[in-house]
Amino acid sequence: MEVRAAHTRLYVSDIATCTEFYRDVLKFNPVIIQIEKGYAEFEIGQMRLSLFRQQEMAEILRTTDQPATAECQDKFGLILAVIDIDSYLS
């Protein structure tokens, strides 16, 4: 099975400000910018970096009753891709 890192995802509280920082200050190449949906994705050479609204991840993981600084609140994620999953499963 061939697995590779698809992209790194940062969970952020202020998607608009973070998007401006990576796009305007660090000059990362924007691929997707959907501030209203809480998502942005950048390309840096062969790497992808995405920003995802932290509150939405807390809702998905059902940890909204915990403070944003609690250990159970994820700060980042490594998104993996499996190449040709069908051949792996057969």
C-alpha atoms as a PDB file:
ATOM      1  CA  MET A   1       0.000   0.000   0.000  1.00  0.00           C
ATOM      2  CA  GLU A   2       1.394   3.384  -0.981  1.00  0.00           C
ATOM      3  CA  VAL A   3       0.536   6.156   1.461  1.00  0.00           C
ATOM      4  CA  ARG A   4       1.701   9.743   1.237  1.00  0.00           C
ATOM      5  CA  ALA A   5       1.058  12.971   3.089  1.00  0.00           C
ATOM      6  CA  ALA A   6      -1.607  14.868   1.173  1.00  0.00           C
ATOM      7  CA  HIS A   7      -1.399  18.040   3.217  1.00  0.00           C
ATOM      8  CA  THR A   8      -1.049  19.508   6.669  1.00  0.00           C
ATOM      9  CA  ARG A   9      -4.132  21.160   8.135  1.00  0.00           C
ATOM     10  CA  LEU A  10      -3.971  23.861  10.805  1.00  0.00           C
ATOM     11  CA  TYR A  11      -7.058  24.437  12.961  1.00  0.00           C
ATOM     12  CA  VAL A  12      -7.346  28.181  13.547  1.00  0.00           C
ATOM     13  CA  SER A  13      -9.709  30.503  15.385  1.00  0.00           C
ATOM     14  CA  ASP A  14      -9.522  33.398  12.888  1.00  0.00           C
ATOM     15  CA  ILE A  15      -9.563  32.009   9.357  1.00  0.00           C
ATOM     16  CA  ALA A  16      -9.561  35.422   7.648  1.00  0.00           C
ATOM     17  CA  THR A  17      -6.515  36.769   9.493  1.00  0.00           C
ATOM     18  CA  CYS A  18      -4.596  33.509   9.077  1.00  0.00           C
ATOM     19  CA  THR A  19      -5.424  33.413   5.368  1.00  0.00           C
ATOM     20  CA  GLU A  20      -4.125  36.959   4.939  1.00  0.00           C
ATOM     21  CA  PHE A  21      -0.934  36.046   6.807  1.00  0.00           C
ATOM     22  CA  TYR A  22      -0.089  32.977   4.692  1.00  0.00           C
ATOM     23  CA  ARG A  23      -1.120  34.645   1.429  1.00  0.00           C
ATOM     24  CA  ASP A  24       0.119  38.224   1.910  1.00  0.00           C
ATOM     25  CA  VAL A  25       3.021  37.959   4.355  1.00  0.00           C
ATOM     26  CA  LEU A  26       4.496  34.527   3.593  1.00  0.00           C
ATOM     27  CA  LYS A  27       3.408  34.685  -0.081  1.00  0.00           C
ATOM     28  CA  PHE A  28       2.036  31.123  -0.145  1.00  0.00           C
ATOM     29  CA  ASN A  29       0.122  30.375  -3.344  1.00  0.00           C
ATOM     30  CA  PRO A  30      -3.639  30.181  -2.595  1.00  0.00           C
ATOM     31  CA  VAL A  31      -5.418  27.199  -4.157  1.00  0.00           C
ATOM     32  CA  ILE A  32      -8.793  27.495  -2.397  1.00  0.00           C
ATOM     33  CA  ILE A  33     -10.022  30.416  -0.332  1.00  0.00           C
ATOM     34  CA  GLN A  34     -13.482  29.960   1.184  1.00  0.00           C
ATOM     35  CA  ILE A  35     -13.489  32.184   4.258  1.00  0.00           C
ATOM     36  CA  GLU A  36     -17.268  31.926   4.677  1.00  0.00           C
ATOM     37  CA  LYS A  37     -16.978  28.119   4.768  1.00  0.00           C
ATOM     38  CA  GLY A  38     -14.019  28.202   7.143  1.00  0.00           C
ATOM     39  CA  TYR A  39     -11.428  26.789   4.754  1.00  0.00           C
ATOM     40  CA  ALA A  40      -8.343  27.897   2.869  1.00  0.00           C
ATOM     41  CA  GLU A  41      -5.661  25.890   1.119  1.00  0.00           C
ATOM     42  CA  PHE A  42      -2.212  26.919  -0.072  1.00  0.00           C
ATOM     43  CA  GLU A  43       0.484  25.351  -2.206  1.00  0.00           C
ATOM     44  CA  ILE A  44       4.121  25.676  -1.203  1.00  0.00           C
ATOM     45  CA  GLY A  45       6.260  23.842  -3.727  1.00  0.00           C
ATOM     46  CA  GLN A  46       5.195  20.184  -3.465  1.00  0.00           C
ATOM     47  CA  MET A  47       3.450  20.742  -0.130  1.00  0.00           C
ATOM     48  CA  ARG A  48      -0.151  21.725   0.643  1.00  0.00           C
ATOM     49  CA  LEU A  49      -1.147  23.615   3.762  1.00  0.00           C
ATOM     50  CA  SER A  50      -4.787  24.069   4.648  1.00  0.00           C
ATOM     51  CA  LEU A  51      -6.503  26.167   7.278  1.00  0.00           C
ATOM     52  CA  PHE A  52      -9.703  24.921   8.884  1.00  0.00           C
ATOM     53  CA  ARG A  53     -11.878  26.720  11.419  1.00  0.00           C
ATOM     54  CA  GLN A  54     -11.043  25.302  14.862  1.00  0.00           C
ATOM     55  CA  GLN A  55     -14.625  25.622  16.127  1.00  0.00           C
ATOM     56  CA  GLU A  56     -15.898  23.387  13.324  1.00  0.00           C
ATOM     57  CA  MET A  57     -13.348  20.690  14.154  1.00  0.00           C
ATOM     58  CA  ALA A  58     -14.422  20.853  17.803  1.00  0.00           C
ATOM     59  CA  GLU A  59     -18.019  20.346  16.662  1.00  0.00           C
ATOM     60  CA  ILE A  60     -17.036  17.338  14.537  1.00  0.00           C
ATOM     61  CA  LEU A  61     -15.110  15.805  17.447  1.00  0.00           C
ATOM     62  CA  ARG A  62     -17.828  16.797  19.955  1.00  0.00           C
ATOM     63  CA  THR A  63     -15.403  18.686  22.172  1.00  0.00           C
ATOM     64  CA  THR A  64     -17.156  22.075  22.128  1.00  0.00           C
ATOM     65  CA  ASP A  65     -17.810  21.803  25.872  1.00  0.00           C
ATOM     66  CA  GLN A  66     -14.040  22.018  26.468  1.00  0.00           C
ATOM     67  CA  PRO A  67     -11.940  25.222  26.373  1.00  0.00           C
ATOM     68  CA  ALA A  68     -10.034  25.935  23.159  1.00  0.00           C
ATOM     69  CA  THR A  69      -6.772  25.411  25.061  1.00  0.00           C
ATOM     70  CA  ALA A  70      -7.709  21.933  26.334  1.00  0.00           C
ATOM     71  CA  GLU A  71      -5.521  19.022  25.221  1.00  0.00           C
ATOM     72  CA  CYS A  72      -8.493  17.390  23.486  1.00  0.00           C
ATOM     73  CA  GLN A  73      -8.741  20.343  21.070  1.00  0.00           C
ATOM     74  CA  ASP A  74      -6.668  19.521  18.014  1.00  0.00           C
ATOM     75  CA  LYS A  75      -4.347  22.220  16.665  1.00  0.00           C
ATOM     76  CA  PHE A  76      -3.318  20.497  13.435  1.00  0.00           C
ATOM     77  CA  GLY A  77      -3.915  17.404  11.355  1.00  0.00           C
ATOM     78  CA  LEU A  78      -1.868  15.410   8.891  1.00  0.00           C
ATOM     79  CA  ILE A  79      -4.063  14.361   5.986  1.00  0.00           C
ATOM     80  CA  LEU A  80      -2.907  11.174   4.264  1.00  0.00           C
ATOM     81  CA  ALA A  81      -3.669   9.874   0.788  1.00  0.00           C
ATOM     82  CA  VAL A  82      -3.725   6.204  -0.126  1.00  0.00           C
ATOM     83  CA  ILE A  83      -2.706   5.582  -3.717  1.00  0.00           C
ATOM     84  CA  ASP A  84      -4.898   3.020  -5.508  1.00  0.00           C
ATOM     85  CA  ILE A  85      -6.959   1.875  -2.517  1.00  0.00           C
ATOM     86  CA  ASP A  86      -8.926  -0.531  -4.728  1.00  0.00           C
ATOM     87  CA  SER A  87      -5.884  -2.703  -5.444  1.00  0.00           C
ATOM     88  CA  TYR A  88      -4.992  -2.649  -1.751  1.00  0.00           C
ATOM     89  CA  LEU A  89      -8.439  -3.868  -0.725  1.00  0.00           C
ATOM     90  CA  SER A  90      -8.662  -6.619  -3.343  1.00  0.00           C
END
